[in-house]
Amino acid sequence: MEQVSKYSLSDKKKSEYIDALTPELLLLRTKAEISQEEIANIIGISRQSYGAIERKTRKMSWNTLL
């Protein structure tokens, strides 16, 4: 039997968290007074990828959220 940690999240739950955070990205970044380039470097993705996530043309991965 496969052991599942009590800290595991289903793909559905992960998607719900991503969907809840994505609309807030621009506001949060603006409040932090940080550029797309700066935040992209901090989280380890390209500025183009971050911009697409912020514009909602690309879905954020769970690893990026973390």
N, C-alpha and C. Protein backbone atom coordinates (compact mmCIF):
# COMPACT_ATOMS: atom_id res chain seq x y z
N MET A 1 0.84 -1.18 0.00
CA MET A 1 0.00 0.00 0.00
C MET A 1 0.89 1.24 0.00
N GLU A 2 0.56 2.20 -0.87
CA GLU A 2 1.33 3.44 -0.97
C GLU A 2 1.05 4.34 0.24
N GLN A 3 2.12 4.82 0.82
CA GLN A 3 1.96 5.70 1.98
C GLN A 3 1.85 7.15 1.52
N VAL A 4 0.85 7.84 2.01
CA VAL A 4 0.63 9.24 1.64
C VAL A 4 0.83 10.08 2.89
N SER A 5 1.63 11.10 2.75
CA SER A 5 1.88 12.00 3.87
C SER A 5 0.64 12.83 4.16
N LYS A 6 0.46 13.15 5.42
CA LYS A 6 -0.67 14.01 5.77
C LYS A 6 -0.49 15.42 5.21
N TYR A 7 0.72 15.69 4.70
CA TYR A 7 1.00 17.01 4.13
C TYR A 7 0.86 17.02 2.60
N SER A 8 0.50 15.90 2.02
CA SER A 8 0.32 15.82 0.57
C SER A 8 -0.95 16.56 0.15
N LEU A 9 -0.87 17.18 -1.01
CA LEU A 9 -2.05 17.85 -1.56
C LEU A 9 -2.40 17.20 -2.90
N SER A 10 -3.66 17.10 -3.17
CA SER A 10 -4.10 16.58 -4.46
C SER A 10 -3.79 17.61 -5.54
N ASP A 11 -3.74 17.15 -6.79
CA ASP A 11 -3.52 18.06 -7.90
C ASP A 11 -4.63 19.11 -7.96
N LYS A 12 -5.84 18.70 -7.62
CA LYS A 12 -6.98 19.64 -7.62
C LYS A 12 -6.75 20.75 -6.60
N LYS A 13 -6.31 20.38 -5.40
CA LYS A 13 -6.08 21.37 -4.35
C LYS A 13 -4.93 22.30 -4.74
N LYS A 14 -3.87 21.75 -5.32
CA LYS A 14 -2.74 22.56 -5.78
C LYS A 14 -3.23 23.58 -6.81
N SER A 15 -4.06 23.12 -7.74
CA SER A 15 -4.59 24.01 -8.78
C SER A 15 -5.46 25.11 -8.16
N GLU A 16 -6.21 24.77 -7.12
CA GLU A 16 -7.03 25.78 -6.43
C GLU A 16 -6.15 26.86 -5.80
N TYR A 17 -5.05 26.46 -5.18
CA TYR A 17 -4.13 27.43 -4.58
C TYR A 17 -3.50 28.32 -5.65
N ILE A 18 -3.09 27.72 -6.76
CA ILE A 18 -2.50 28.48 -7.86
C ILE A 18 -3.53 29.48 -8.41
N ASP A 19 -4.75 29.00 -8.62
CA ASP A 19 -5.80 29.86 -9.17
C ASP A 19 -6.16 31.01 -8.21
N ALA A 20 -6.02 30.78 -6.92
CA ALA A 20 -6.32 31.84 -5.94
C ALA A 20 -5.21 32.89 -5.90
N LEU A 21 -3.97 32.46 -6.07
CA LEU A 21 -2.84 33.38 -5.98
C LEU A 21 -2.62 34.20 -7.26
N THR A 22 -2.81 33.57 -8.41
CA THR A 22 -2.48 34.22 -9.68
C THR A 22 -3.11 35.61 -9.86
N PRO A 23 -4.40 35.81 -9.58
CA PRO A 23 -4.98 37.14 -9.78
C PRO A 23 -4.38 38.22 -8.87
N GLU A 24 -3.71 37.80 -7.81
CA GLU A 24 -3.13 38.75 -6.84
C GLU A 24 -1.68 39.12 -7.14
N LEU A 25 -1.06 38.47 -8.11
CA LEU A 25 0.37 38.66 -8.34
C LEU A 25 0.76 40.10 -8.65
N LEU A 26 0.04 40.75 -9.55
CA LEU A 26 0.37 42.12 -9.93
C LEU A 26 0.28 43.04 -8.72
N LEU A 27 -0.79 42.95 -7.96
CA LEU A 27 -0.98 43.80 -6.79
C LEU A 27 0.13 43.54 -5.76
N LEU A 28 0.42 42.28 -5.49
CA LEU A 28 1.46 41.95 -4.51
C LEU A 28 2.83 42.46 -4.96
N ARG A 29 3.14 42.27 -6.24
CA ARG A 29 4.43 42.73 -6.76
C ARG A 29 4.52 44.25 -6.72
N THR A 30 3.44 44.92 -7.05
CA THR A 30 3.41 46.38 -7.03
C THR A 30 3.59 46.89 -5.60
N LYS A 31 2.89 46.28 -4.65
CA LYS A 31 3.04 46.68 -3.25
C LYS A 31 4.46 46.47 -2.74
N ALA A 32 5.11 45.42 -3.22
CA ALA A 32 6.49 45.13 -2.81
C ALA A 32 7.50 46.01 -3.55
N GLU A 33 7.01 46.78 -4.52
CA GLU A 33 7.86 47.66 -5.33
C GLU A 33 9.03 46.89 -5.95
N ILE A 34 8.67 45.82 -6.64
CA ILE A 34 9.66 44.96 -7.27
C ILE A 34 9.28 44.76 -8.74
N SER A 35 10.27 44.71 -9.60
CA SER A 35 10.01 44.54 -11.03
C SER A 35 9.78 43.07 -11.36
N GLN A 36 9.20 42.83 -12.53
CA GLN A 36 9.02 41.46 -12.98
C GLN A 36 10.37 40.76 -13.08
N GLU A 37 11.37 41.47 -13.56
CA GLU A 37 12.72 40.90 -13.70
C GLU A 37 13.26 40.46 -12.33
N GLU A 38 13.09 41.32 -11.33
CA GLU A 38 13.60 41.01 -9.99
C GLU A 38 12.90 39.78 -9.40
N ILE A 39 11.58 39.77 -9.48
CA ILE A 39 10.86 38.63 -8.88
C ILE A 39 11.14 37.34 -9.65
N ALA A 40 11.26 37.45 -10.97
CA ALA A 40 11.58 36.26 -11.77
C ALA A 40 12.94 35.70 -11.36
N ASN A 41 13.91 36.56 -11.14
CA ASN A 41 15.23 36.10 -10.70
C ASN A 41 15.15 35.44 -9.32
N ILE A 42 14.36 36.01 -8.43
CA ILE A 42 14.23 35.46 -7.08
C ILE A 42 13.63 34.05 -7.11
N ILE A 43 12.61 33.85 -7.94
CA ILE A 43 11.94 32.55 -7.95
C ILE A 43 12.53 31.58 -8.98
N GLY A 44 13.48 32.05 -9.77
CA GLY A 44 14.20 31.16 -10.67
C GLY A 44 13.54 30.86 -12.00
N ILE A 45 12.78 31.82 -12.53
CA ILE A 45 12.20 31.65 -13.86
C ILE A 45 12.55 32.90 -14.68
N SER A 46 12.28 32.84 -15.98
CA SER A 46 12.57 34.00 -16.83
C SER A 46 11.54 35.11 -16.61
N ARG A 47 11.90 36.33 -16.96
CA ARG A 47 10.96 37.44 -16.84
C ARG A 47 9.78 37.22 -17.77
N GLN A 48 10.03 36.64 -18.94
CA GLN A 48 8.95 36.37 -19.88
C GLN A 48 7.95 35.37 -19.30
N SER A 49 8.46 34.34 -18.65
CA SER A 49 7.58 33.34 -18.03
C SER A 49 6.77 33.98 -16.91
N TYR A 50 7.44 34.78 -16.07
CA TYR A 50 6.71 35.43 -14.98
C TYR A 50 5.63 36.36 -15.53
N GLY A 51 5.98 37.14 -16.56
CA GLY A 51 5.01 38.05 -17.16
C GLY A 51 3.79 37.31 -17.70
N ALA A 52 4.03 36.16 -18.33
CA ALA A 52 2.92 35.37 -18.86
C ALA A 52 2.03 34.83 -17.72
N ILE A 53 2.64 34.45 -16.61
CA ILE A 53 1.86 33.99 -15.45
C ILE A 53 1.03 35.15 -14.91
N GLU A 54 1.64 36.31 -14.78
CA GLU A 54 0.95 37.48 -14.25
C GLU A 54 -0.21 37.91 -15.16
N ARG A 55 -0.02 37.76 -16.48
CA ARG A 55 -1.08 38.10 -17.45
C ARG A 55 -2.11 36.99 -17.61
N LYS A 56 -1.85 35.86 -16.95
CA LYS A 56 -2.75 34.70 -16.99
C LYS A 56 -2.78 34.03 -18.36
N THR A 57 -1.69 34.15 -19.13
CA THR A 57 -1.60 33.43 -20.40
C THR A 57 -0.82 32.14 -20.23
N ARG A 58 -0.25 31.94 -19.04
CA ARG A 58 0.47 30.72 -18.70
C ARG A 58 0.14 30.38 -17.25
N LYS A 59 -0.12 29.10 -17.01
CA LYS A 59 -0.45 28.68 -15.64
C LYS A 59 0.84 28.45 -14.85
N MET A 60 0.85 28.96 -13.65
CA MET A 60 1.98 28.79 -12.75
C MET A 60 2.08 27.32 -12.34
N SER A 61 3.30 26.80 -12.27
CA SER A 61 3.48 25.44 -11.79
C SER A 61 3.49 25.43 -10.26
N TRP A 62 3.29 24.26 -9.69
CA TRP A 62 3.31 24.13 -8.24
C TRP A 62 4.70 24.49 -7.70
N ASN A 63 5.75 24.07 -8.40
CA ASN A 63 7.11 24.38 -7.96
C ASN A 63 7.36 25.89 -7.96
N THR A 64 6.84 26.59 -8.93
CA THR A 64 6.99 28.04 -8.98
C THR A 64 6.24 28.67 -7.81
N LEU A 65 5.05 28.19 -7.51
CA LEU A 65 4.30 28.71 -6.38
C LEU A 65 5.10 28.54 -5.09
N LEU A 66 5.68 27.36 -4.92
CA LEU A 66 6.44 27.11 -3.70
C LEU A 66 7.64 28.03 -3.61
